[in-house]
C-alpha atoms as a PDB file:
ATOM      1  CA  MET A   1      -0.158   0.113  -0.185  1.00  0.00           C
ATOM      2  CA  ASN A   2       1.027   3.759  -0.555  1.00  0.00           C
ATOM      3  CA  ILE A   3       0.564   6.420   1.824  1.00  0.00           C
ATOM      4  CA  ILE A   4      -2.798   7.477  -0.142  1.00  0.00           C
ATOM      5  CA  GLU A   5      -4.061   3.984   0.735  1.00  0.00           C
ATOM      6  CA  ARG A   6      -3.083   3.489   3.831  1.00  0.00           C
ATOM      7  CA  LYS A   7      -4.802   5.377   6.862  1.00  0.00           C
ATOM      8  CA  VAL A   8      -2.605   7.552   8.947  1.00  0.00           C
ATOM      9  CA  TRP A   9      -3.711   7.367  12.750  1.00  0.00           C
ATOM     10  CA  LEU A  10      -2.951   9.875  15.352  1.00  0.00           C
ATOM     11  CA  ILE A  11      -3.188   8.418  18.679  1.00  0.00           C
ATOM     12  CA  THR A  12      -2.618   9.844  21.972  1.00  0.00           C
ATOM     13  CA  GLY A  13      -1.219   8.049  24.867  1.00  0.00           C
ATOM     14  CA  VAL A  14       0.713   5.478  23.529  1.00  0.00           C
ATOM     15  CA  SER A  15       3.243   4.545  25.938  1.00  0.00           C
ATOM     16  CA  LYS A  16       1.249   1.736  27.615  1.00  0.00           C
ATOM     17  CA  GLY A  17      -2.283   0.301  28.100  1.00  0.00           C
ATOM     18  CA  LEU A  18      -4.738   0.651  25.313  1.00  0.00           C
ATOM     19  CA  GLY A  19      -2.965   3.356  23.646  1.00  0.00           C
ATOM     20  CA  ARG A  20      -0.020   0.888  23.111  1.00  0.00           C
ATOM     21  CA  GLU A  21      -2.161  -2.128  22.195  1.00  0.00           C
ATOM     22  CA  LEU A  22      -4.052  -0.107  19.526  1.00  0.00           C
ATOM     23  CA  ALA A  23      -0.963   1.510  18.145  1.00  0.00           C
ATOM     24  CA  LYS A  24       0.635  -2.191  17.749  1.00  0.00           C
ATOM     25  CA  GLN A  25      -2.781  -3.464  16.033  1.00  0.00           C
ATOM     26  CA  VAL A  26      -2.663  -0.821  13.598  1.00  0.00           C
ATOM     27  CA  ALA A  27       0.770  -0.930  12.703  1.00  0.00           C
ATOM     28  CA  ASP A  28       0.601  -4.678  12.210  1.00  0.00           C
ATOM     29  CA  LYS A  29      -2.174  -4.303   9.571  1.00  0.00           C
ATOM     30  CA  GLY A  30      -0.434  -1.838   7.533  1.00  0.00           C
ATOM     31  CA  ASP A  31      -1.474   1.598   8.465  1.00  0.00           C
ATOM     32  CA  ILE A  32       0.641   4.454   9.539  1.00  0.00           C
ATOM     33  CA  VAL A  33       0.771   5.001  13.375  1.00  0.00           C
ATOM     34  CA  VAL A  34       1.818   8.399  14.914  1.00  0.00           C
ATOM     35  CA  GLY A  35       1.571   8.563  18.890  1.00  0.00           C
ATOM     36  CA  THR A  36       2.016  11.014  21.461  1.00  0.00           C
ATOM     37  CA  VAL A  37       4.058   9.906  24.441  1.00  0.00           C
ATOM     38  CA  ARG A  38       5.339  12.382  27.597  1.00  0.00           C
ATOM     39  CA  ASN A  39       8.868  11.792  27.776  1.00  0.00           C
ATOM     40  CA  ALA A  40      11.963  10.601  25.729  1.00  0.00           C
ATOM     41  CA  GLN A  41      12.558   7.146  26.890  1.00  0.00           C
ATOM     42  CA  ASP A  42       8.689   6.420  26.211  1.00  0.00           C
ATOM     43  CA  LYS A  43       9.396   7.645  22.644  1.00  0.00           C
ATOM     44  CA  ALA A  44      12.424   5.690  22.178  1.00  0.00           C
ATOM     45  CA  ASP A  45      10.637   2.534  23.428  1.00  0.00           C
ATOM     46  CA  PHE A  46       7.881   3.218  21.283  1.00  0.00           C
ATOM     47  CA  GLU A  47       9.783   3.824  17.918  1.00  0.00           C
ATOM     48  CA  LYS A  48      12.122   0.703  18.244  1.00  0.00           C
ATOM     49  CA  ILE A  49       9.361  -1.354  19.355  1.00  0.00           C
ATOM     50  CA  LEU A  50       6.878  -0.606  16.918  1.00  0.00           C
ATOM     51  CA  GLY A  51       8.943   1.225  14.233  1.00  0.00           C
ATOM     52  CA  ALA A  52       6.308   4.092  14.253  1.00  0.00           C
ATOM     53  CA  LYS A  53       6.718   7.772  14.810  1.00  0.00           C
ATOM     54  CA  ALA A  54       6.033   9.312  18.618  1.00  0.00           C
ATOM     55  CA  PHE A  55       5.969  12.921  19.496  1.00  0.00           C
ATOM     56  CA  ILE A  56       6.756  14.430  23.087  1.00  0.00           C
ATOM     57  CA  ILE A  57       3.981  16.247  24.627  1.00  0.00           C
ATOM     58  CA  ASP A  58       2.386  16.813  27.716  1.00  0.00           C
ATOM     59  CA  LEU A  59      -1.270  17.336  26.566  1.00  0.00           C
ATOM     60  CA  SER A  60      -2.130  19.619  29.649  1.00  0.00           C
ATOM     61  CA  ASN A  61      -0.193  22.190  27.806  1.00  0.00           C
ATOM     62  CA  THR A  62      -2.866  22.613  25.073  1.00  0.00           C
ATOM     63  CA  GLU A  63      -1.124  25.535  23.208  1.00  0.00           C
ATOM     64  CA  GLN A  64       1.183  22.716  21.986  1.00  0.00           C
ATOM     65  CA  ILE A  65      -1.494  21.139  20.301  1.00  0.00           C
ATOM     66  CA  SER A  66      -1.679  23.021  17.018  1.00  0.00           C
ATOM     67  CA  SER A  67       2.205  22.610  16.252  1.00  0.00           C
ATOM     68  CA  LEU A  68       2.172  18.977  16.800  1.00  0.00           C
ATOM     69  CA  VAL A  69      -0.745  18.385  14.399  1.00  0.00           C
ATOM     70  CA  ASP A  70       1.033  20.773  12.021  1.00  0.00           C
ATOM     71  CA  ALA A  71       4.139  18.662  12.250  1.00  0.00           C
ATOM     72  CA  ILE A  72       1.874  15.457  11.364  1.00  0.00           C
ATOM     73  CA  ILE A  73       0.419  16.911   8.465  1.00  0.00           C
ATOM     74  CA  ASN A  74       3.600  18.464   7.144  1.00  0.00           C
ATOM     75  CA  GLN A  75       5.228  15.058   7.259  1.00  0.00           C
ATOM     76  CA  TYR A  76       2.498  12.494   6.299  1.00  0.00           C
ATOM     77  CA  GLY A  77      -0.001  14.983   4.261  1.00  0.00           C
ATOM     78  CA  GLN A  78      -3.210  13.499   6.303  1.00  0.00           C
ATOM     79  CA  ILE A  79      -4.785  12.535   9.442  1.00  0.00           C
ATOM     80  CA  ASP A  80      -7.601   9.934   8.688  1.00  0.00           C
ATOM     81  CA  VAL A  81      -7.990   8.630  12.309  1.00  0.00           C
ATOM     82  CA  LEU A  82      -7.873  10.643  15.358  1.00  0.00           C
ATOM     83  CA  VAL A  83      -7.910   8.650  18.637  1.00  0.00           C
ATOM     84  CA  ASN A  84      -8.184  10.715  21.742  1.00  0.00           C
ATOM     85  CA  ASN A  85      -6.979   7.954  24.258  1.00  0.00           C
ATOM     86  CA  ALA A  86      -4.620  10.154  26.517  1.00  0.00           C
ATOM     87  CA  GLY A  87      -6.127  10.711  29.979  1.00  0.00           C
ATOM     88  CA  TYR A  88      -6.087   9.635  33.732  1.00  0.00           C
ATOM     89  CA  GLY A  89      -8.320   9.139  36.235  1.00  0.00           C
ATOM     90  CA  ALA A  90      -8.537  11.294  39.445  1.00  0.00           C
ATOM     91  CA  PHE A  91     -10.134   9.678  42.352  1.00  0.00           C
ATOM     92  CA  GLY A  92     -11.324  10.752  45.829  1.00  0.00           C
ATOM     93  CA  MET A  93     -14.269  12.565  47.416  1.00  0.00           C
ATOM     94  CA  ILE A  94     -15.602  15.611  45.702  1.00  0.00           C
ATOM     95  CA  GLU A  95     -14.957  17.390  48.949  1.00  0.00           C
ATOM     96  CA  GLU A  96     -11.606  16.135  49.072  1.00  0.00           C
ATOM     97  CA  PHE A  97     -10.215  18.044  45.713  1.00  0.00           C
ATOM     98  CA  SER A  98      -8.305  21.066  45.208  1.00  0.00           C
ATOM     99  CA  GLU A  99      -9.173  23.598  42.594  1.00  0.00           C
ATOM    100  CA  ASN A 100      -6.074  23.104  40.712  1.00  0.00           C
ATOM    101  CA  GLU A 101      -6.557  19.266  40.851  1.00  0.00           C
ATOM    102  CA  ILE A 102      -9.833  19.547  39.044  1.00  0.00           C
ATOM    103  CA  ILE A 103      -8.615  21.873  36.646  1.00  0.00           C
ATOM    104  CA  HIS A 104      -5.508  19.897  35.736  1.00  0.00           C
ATOM    105  CA  GLN A 105      -8.179  16.738  35.199  1.00  0.00           C
ATOM    106  CA  PHE A 106     -10.357  18.586  32.797  1.00  0.00           C
ATOM    107  CA  LYS A 107      -7.453  20.105  31.150  1.00  0.00           C
ATOM    108  CA  VAL A 108      -5.879  16.530  29.918  1.00  0.00           C
ATOM    109  CA  ASN A 109      -9.385  14.975  29.424  1.00  0.00           C
ATOM    110  CA  VAL A 110     -11.394  17.380  28.216  1.00  0.00           C
ATOM    111  CA  ILE A 111      -9.891  20.805  26.933  1.00  0.00           C
ATOM    112  CA  ALA A 112      -7.163  18.872  25.141  1.00  0.00           C
ATOM    113  CA  VAL A 113      -9.469  16.659  23.780  1.00  0.00           C
ATOM    114  CA  TRP A 114     -11.431  19.884  22.142  1.00  0.00           C
ATOM    115  CA  LYS A 115      -8.122  21.279  21.146  1.00  0.00           C
ATOM    116  CA  LEU A 116      -7.038  18.276  19.116  1.00  0.00           C
ATOM    117  CA  CYS A 117     -10.357  18.224  17.548  1.00  0.00           C
ATOM    118  CA  GLN A 118     -10.366  21.924  16.602  1.00  0.00           C
ATOM    119  CA  ALA A 119      -6.663  21.303  15.415  1.00  0.00           C
ATOM    120  CA  VAL A 120      -7.780  18.297  13.107  1.00  0.00           C
ATOM    121  CA  LEU A 121     -11.161  18.887  11.997  1.00  0.00           C
ATOM    122  CA  PRO A 122      -9.998  21.479   8.982  1.00  0.00           C
ATOM    123  CA  HIS A 123      -7.509  18.659   7.496  1.00  0.00           C
ATOM    124  CA  MET A 124     -10.374  16.203   7.740  1.00  0.00           C
ATOM    125  CA  ARG A 125     -12.913  18.534   6.140  1.00  0.00           C
ATOM    126  CA  GLU A 126     -10.539  19.352   3.387  1.00  0.00           C
ATOM    127  CA  LYS A 127      -9.791  15.615   2.643  1.00  0.00           C
ATOM    128  CA  GLY A 128     -13.261  14.840   2.716  1.00  0.00           C
ATOM    129  CA  GLY A 129     -13.712  12.654   5.576  1.00  0.00           C
ATOM    130  CA  GLY A 130     -12.126  11.054   8.491  1.00  0.00           C
ATOM    131  CA  THR A 131     -12.860   9.639  11.720  1.00  0.00           C
ATOM    132  CA  ILE A 132     -12.851  10.726  15.269  1.00  0.00           C
ATOM    133  CA  ILE A 133     -12.557   8.218  18.063  1.00  0.00           C
ATOM    134  CA  GLN A 134     -13.103   9.293  21.769  1.00  0.00           C
ATOM    135  CA  ILE A 135     -12.063   6.467  24.625  1.00  0.00           C
ATOM    136  CA  SER A 136     -14.718   7.200  27.388  1.00  0.00           C
ATOM    137  CA  SER A 137     -15.602   5.207  30.279  1.00  0.00           C
ATOM    138  CA  ARG A 138     -18.717   3.415  31.897  1.00  0.00           C
ATOM    139  CA  VAL A 139     -18.108   6.241  34.346  1.00  0.00           C
ATOM    140  CA  GLY A 140     -19.349   8.807  31.754  1.00  0.00           C
ATOM    141  CA  ILE A 141     -22.478   6.839  31.866  1.00  0.00           C
ATOM    142  CA  LEU A 142     -22.930   6.152  35.771  1.00  0.00           C
ATOM    143  CA  ALA A 143     -20.726   7.797  38.176  1.00  0.00           C
ATOM    144  CA  GLY A 144     -20.085   6.358  41.792  1.00  0.00           C
ATOM    145  CA  VAL A 145     -18.643   7.037  45.149  1.00  0.00           C
ATOM    146  CA  GLY A 146     -14.826   8.319  44.789  1.00  0.00           C
ATOM    147  CA  ASN A 147     -14.983   8.953  41.012  1.00  0.00           C
ATOM    148  CA  GLY A 148     -17.011  11.940  40.622  1.00  0.00           C
ATOM    149  CA  ILE A 149     -14.350  14.373  39.421  1.00  0.00           C
ATOM    150  CA  TYR A 150     -12.973  11.757  36.950  1.00  0.00           C
ATOM    151  CA  ALA A 151     -16.826  10.754  35.809  1.00  0.00           C
ATOM    152  CA  SER A 152     -17.358  14.381  35.476  1.00  0.00           C
ATOM    153  CA  SER A 153     -14.718  14.865  33.045  1.00  0.00           C
ATOM    154  CA  LYS A 154     -16.189  11.742  30.909  1.00  0.00           C
ATOM    155  CA  PHE A 155     -19.790  13.254  31.330  1.00  0.00           C
ATOM    156  CA  ALA A 156     -18.344  16.409  29.735  1.00  0.00           C
ATOM    157  CA  LEU A 157     -16.937  14.486  26.887  1.00  0.00           C
ATOM    158  CA  GLU A 158     -20.017  12.461  26.308  1.00  0.00           C
ATOM    159  CA  GLY A 159     -21.845  15.823  25.672  1.00  0.00           C
ATOM    160  CA  MET A 160     -19.305  17.400  23.481  1.00  0.00           C
ATOM    161  CA  ARG A 161     -19.092  13.952  21.308  1.00  0.00           C
ATOM    162  CA  GLU A 162     -23.089  13.719  20.780  1.00  0.00           C
ATOM    163  CA  SER A 163     -22.856  17.525  19.592  1.00  0.00           C
ATOM    164  CA  LEU A 164     -19.728  17.048  17.745  1.00  0.00           C
ATOM    165  CA  LYS A 165     -21.042  13.987  16.099  1.00  0.00           C
ATOM    166  CA  GLN A 166     -23.958  16.018  14.479  1.00  0.00           C
ATOM    167  CA  GLU A 167     -21.843  19.048  13.591  1.00  0.00           C
ATOM    168  CA  VAL A 168     -19.317  17.316  11.438  1.00  0.00           C
ATOM    169  CA  GLU A 169     -21.577  14.461   9.599  1.00  0.00           C
ATOM    170  CA  PRO A 170     -22.313  16.653   6.694  1.00  0.00           C
ATOM    171  CA  PHE A 171     -18.731  16.852   6.043  1.00  0.00           C
ATOM    172  CA  GLY A 172     -18.256  13.246   5.918  1.00  0.00           C
ATOM    173  CA  ILE A 173     -16.345  12.971   9.172  1.00  0.00           C
ATOM    174  CA  LYS A 174     -17.643  10.479  11.740  1.00  0.00           C
ATOM    175  CA  VAL A 175     -17.488  10.549  15.477  1.00  0.00           C
ATOM    176  CA  MET A 176     -17.495   7.565  17.555  1.00  0.00           C
ATOM    177  CA  LEU A 177     -17.615   7.254  21.452  1.00  0.00           C
ATOM    178  CA  ALA A 178     -16.037   3.711  22.769  1.00  0.00           C
ATOM    179  CA  GLU A 179     -17.398   3.353  26.102  1.00  0.00           C
ATOM    180  CA  LEU A 180     -15.085   1.132  28.164  1.00  0.00           C
ATOM    181  CA  GLY A 181     -15.555  -0.557  31.469  1.00  0.00           C
ATOM    182  CA  ALA A 182     -12.389  -1.344  33.609  1.00  0.00           C
ATOM    183  CA  LEU A 183      -9.403  -2.669  31.264  1.00  0.00           C
ATOM    184  CA  ARG A 184      -6.627  -4.790  32.745  1.00  0.00           C
ATOM    185  CA  THR A 185      -3.954  -2.011  32.088  1.00  0.00           C
ATOM    186  CA  ASP A 186      -2.061   0.222  34.455  1.00  0.00           C
ATOM    187  CA  PHE A 187      -4.988   2.510  34.879  1.00  0.00           C
ATOM    188  CA  PHE A 188      -4.921   1.652  38.696  1.00  0.00           C
ATOM    189  CA  GLY A 189      -1.215   1.345  38.801  1.00  0.00           C
ATOM    190  CA  THR A 190       1.222   4.438  37.947  1.00  0.00           C
ATOM    191  CA  SER A 191      -1.637   6.249  35.865  1.00  0.00           C
ATOM    192  CA  VAL A 192      -4.016   7.099  38.502  1.00  0.00           C
ATOM    193  CA  LYS A 193      -4.218   9.963  40.749  1.00  0.00           C
ATOM    194  CA  TYR A 194      -5.810  10.821  43.866  1.00  0.00           C
ATOM    195  CA  ALA A 195      -6.780  13.699  45.704  1.00  0.00           C
ATOM    196  CA  GLU A 196      -3.850  15.022  47.868  1.00  0.00           C
ATOM    197  CA  ASN A 197      -6.230  16.068  50.765  1.00  0.00           C
ATOM    198  CA  LYS A 198      -7.792  12.887  52.777  1.00  0.00           C
ATOM    199  CA  LEU A 199     -11.148  13.371  55.091  1.00  0.00           C
ATOM    200  CA  PRO A 200     -11.089  10.541  57.278  1.00  0.00           C
ATOM    201  CA  LEU A 201     -14.701  10.997  57.877  1.00  0.00           C
ATOM    202  CA  TYR A 202     -15.636   9.396  54.455  1.00  0.00           C
ATOM    203  CA  PHE A 203     -13.927   6.237  55.808  1.00  0.00           C
ATOM    204  CA  ASP A 204     -16.842   4.908  57.676  1.00  0.00           C
ATOM    205  CA  THR A 205     -19.160   5.510  54.865  1.00  0.00           C
ATOM    206  CA  ALA A 206     -17.311   4.683  51.734  1.00  0.00           C
ATOM    207  CA  GLY A 207     -14.066   2.984  53.012  1.00  0.00           C
ATOM    208  CA  ASP A 208     -10.533   4.035  51.649  1.00  0.00           C
ATOM    209  CA  ILE A 209     -10.963   4.731  47.782  1.00  0.00           C
ATOM    210  CA  ARG A 210      -7.341   4.731  47.655  1.00  0.00           C
ATOM    211  CA  SER A 211      -6.892   1.096  48.625  1.00  0.00           C
ATOM    212  CA  ASN A 212      -9.909  -0.055  47.356  1.00  0.00           C
ATOM    213  CA  THR A 213      -8.860   1.232  43.692  1.00  0.00           C
ATOM    214  CA  LYS A 214      -5.555  -0.123  44.050  1.00  0.00           C
ATOM    215  CA  SER A 215      -6.669  -3.585  44.881  1.00  0.00           C
ATOM    216  CA  LEU A 216      -8.355  -3.457  41.576  1.00  0.00           C
ATOM    217  CA  HIS A 217      -4.952  -3.458  39.695  1.00  0.00           C
ATOM    218  CA  GLY A 218      -4.344  -6.669  37.521  1.00  0.00           C
ATOM    219  CA  LYS A 219      -7.619  -7.941  38.076  1.00  0.00           C
ATOM    220  CA  GLN A 220      -9.891  -5.583  35.636  1.00  0.00           C
ATOM    221  CA  SER A 221     -11.935  -8.009  33.736  1.00  0.00           C
ATOM    222  CA  GLY A 222     -11.443  -6.084  30.397  1.00  0.00           C
ATOM    223  CA  ASP A 223      -8.848  -7.248  27.570  1.00  0.00           C
ATOM    224  CA  PRO A 224      -7.372  -4.499  25.997  1.00  0.00           C
ATOM    225  CA  VAL A 225      -6.154  -6.860  22.927  1.00  0.00           C
ATOM    226  CA  LYS A 226      -9.509  -7.506  22.371  1.00  0.00           C
ATOM    227  CA  VAL A 227     -11.206  -3.868  22.743  1.00  0.00           C
ATOM    228  CA  ALA A 228      -8.136  -2.503  20.275  1.00  0.00           C
ATOM    229  CA  GLU A 229      -9.403  -5.313  17.666  1.00  0.00           C
ATOM    230  CA  ALA A 230     -13.106  -4.233  18.286  1.00  0.00           C
ATOM    231  CA  ILE A 231     -12.165  -0.264  17.785  1.00  0.00           C
ATOM    232  CA  ILE A 232      -9.994  -1.037  14.596  1.00  0.00           C
ATOM    233  CA  GLU A 233     -12.858  -3.303  13.574  1.00  0.00           C
ATOM    234  CA  ALA A 234     -15.656  -0.353  14.012  1.00  0.00           C
ATOM    235  CA  VAL A 235     -13.192   2.048  11.902  1.00  0.00           C
ATOM    236  CA  ASP A 236     -12.583  -0.277   9.030  1.00  0.00           C
ATOM    237  CA  LYS A 237     -15.642  -1.621   8.593  1.00  0.00           C
ATOM    238  CA  ASP A 238     -17.340   1.646   9.106  1.00  0.00           C
ATOM    239  CA  VAL A 239     -19.499   0.614  11.919  1.00  0.00           C
ATOM    240  CA  PRO A 240     -22.723   2.596  11.545  1.00  0.00           C
ATOM    241  CA  THR A 241     -23.147   3.293  15.350  1.00  0.00           C
ATOM    242  CA  PHE A 242     -21.978   6.113  17.342  1.00  0.00           C
ATOM    243  CA  ARG A 243     -21.519   4.658  20.774  1.00  0.00           C
ATOM    244  CA  LEU A 244     -19.243   1.718  20.676  1.00  0.00           C
ATOM    245  CA  PRO A 245     -19.933   0.012  24.317  1.00  0.00           C
ATOM    246  CA  LEU A 246     -17.342  -2.527  24.992  1.00  0.00           C
ATOM    247  CA  THR A 247     -16.906  -4.745  28.430  1.00  0.00           C
ATOM    248  CA  THR A 248     -19.713  -6.064  30.687  1.00  0.00           C
ATOM    249  CA  GLY A 249     -19.380  -3.444  32.986  1.00  0.00           C
ATOM    250  CA  THR A 250     -20.279  -0.771  30.474  1.00  0.00           C
ATOM    251  CA  ILE A 251     -23.455  -2.649  29.184  1.00  0.00           C
ATOM    252  CA  ASP A 252     -24.437  -2.972  33.201  1.00  0.00           C
ATOM    253  CA  ALA A 253     -24.083   0.514  33.880  1.00  0.00           C
ATOM    254  CA  MET A 254     -26.254   1.191  30.634  1.00  0.00           C
ATOM    255  CA  LYS A 255     -28.967  -1.020  31.988  1.00  0.00           C
ATOM    256  CA  THR A 256     -28.942   0.547  35.491  1.00  0.00           C
ATOM    257  CA  LYS A 257     -28.969   4.103  34.002  1.00  0.00           C
ATOM    258  CA  ILE A 258     -31.839   3.007  31.541  1.00  0.00           C
ATOM    259  CA  ALA A 259     -33.895   1.446  34.795  1.00  0.00           C
ATOM    260  CA  GLU A 260     -33.568   5.024  36.465  1.00  0.00           C
ATOM    261  CA  TYR A 261     -34.551   6.931  34.014  1.00  0.00           C
ATOM    262  CA  GLN A 262     -37.631   4.590  33.028  1.00  0.00           C
ATOM    263  CA  ASN A 263     -38.649   4.715  36.502  1.00  0.00           C
ATOM    264  CA  LEU A 264     -38.328   8.678  36.624  1.00  0.00           C
ATOM    265  CA  ILE A 265     -40.661   8.747  33.505  1.00  0.00           C
ATOM    266  CA  ASP A 266     -43.265   6.546  35.268  1.00  0.00           C
ATOM    267  CA  LEU A 267     -43.235   8.658  38.247  1.00  0.00           C
ATOM    268  CA  TYR A 268     -42.951  11.952  37.018  1.00  0.00           C
ATOM    269  CA  GLU A 269     -44.310  12.047  33.316  1.00  0.00           C
ATOM    270  CA  HIS A 270     -47.586  13.440  34.069  1.00  0.00           C
ATOM    271  CA  LYS A 271     -46.302  16.202  36.166  1.00  0.00           C
ATOM    272  CA  ALA A 272     -43.395  16.876  33.942  1.00  0.00           C
ATOM    273  CA  ARG A 273     -45.937  17.540  30.784  1.00  0.00           C
ATOM    274  CA  ASN A 274     -48.517  19.803  32.979  1.00  0.00           C
ATOM    275  CA  VAL A 275     -45.905  22.410  33.876  1.00  0.00           C
ATOM    276  CA  GLU A 276     -46.151  23.841  30.329  1.00  0.00           C
ATOM    277  CA  PHE A 277     -47.672  26.413  28.909  1.00  0.00           C
ATOM    278  CA  PHE A 278     -51.197  25.344  27.480  1.00  0.00           C
END
């Protein structure tokens, strides 16, 4: 295949986990992979193992993103698939977080994603098409105790993607939301962050969120290899869905949310319709 026939994938966060696995499978099938990493060692490892290009960027420094996209376009001429994979989870009780901790969570998980889309969309539009994949989470569907700040960043992405899908469809650009449960990656290892402040009063009601989440490391039921396969298949076969729910945890979260909404509809539909002007 020449470069015109091969898709160019920009995948953020390829130093490990799902991003690395996705990059590996994309490269193995013959497409071009461009990844982002945060340091020189990760860049060297990625390029040596995969034979693909990596750029060093801290996505919380969003002013660097336009230059990143320009450099990729200058080198490869196109970006066919953007995978917004990079991100992290900030865990702790809502009350425990500082403002700066929340701002950083949203800069990486939300603002950087918006900026990447803003930088890539003109090139996709000029080319006449492309695919944007957002790696989301089941906590973007159903939040729980101790994951409120992380979940709120994913809820924000869900809303952003619902609008973006409708806005860019007329230009032949497809948006897909991959909603994942817990994968057996390093998410609960070195990738997780916790609120610096600890309020012991919550231990009696919710337990220790830090030890509880750390205990999940290496025991997650989701297989990142199978998830990467499913995402690539969805792109290559042009799966006609906006949401791509993967893992049992995601389906269970959806069912719980549907049941909650149906219960509310049953209880309040009559009253809701009677507060309209007639």
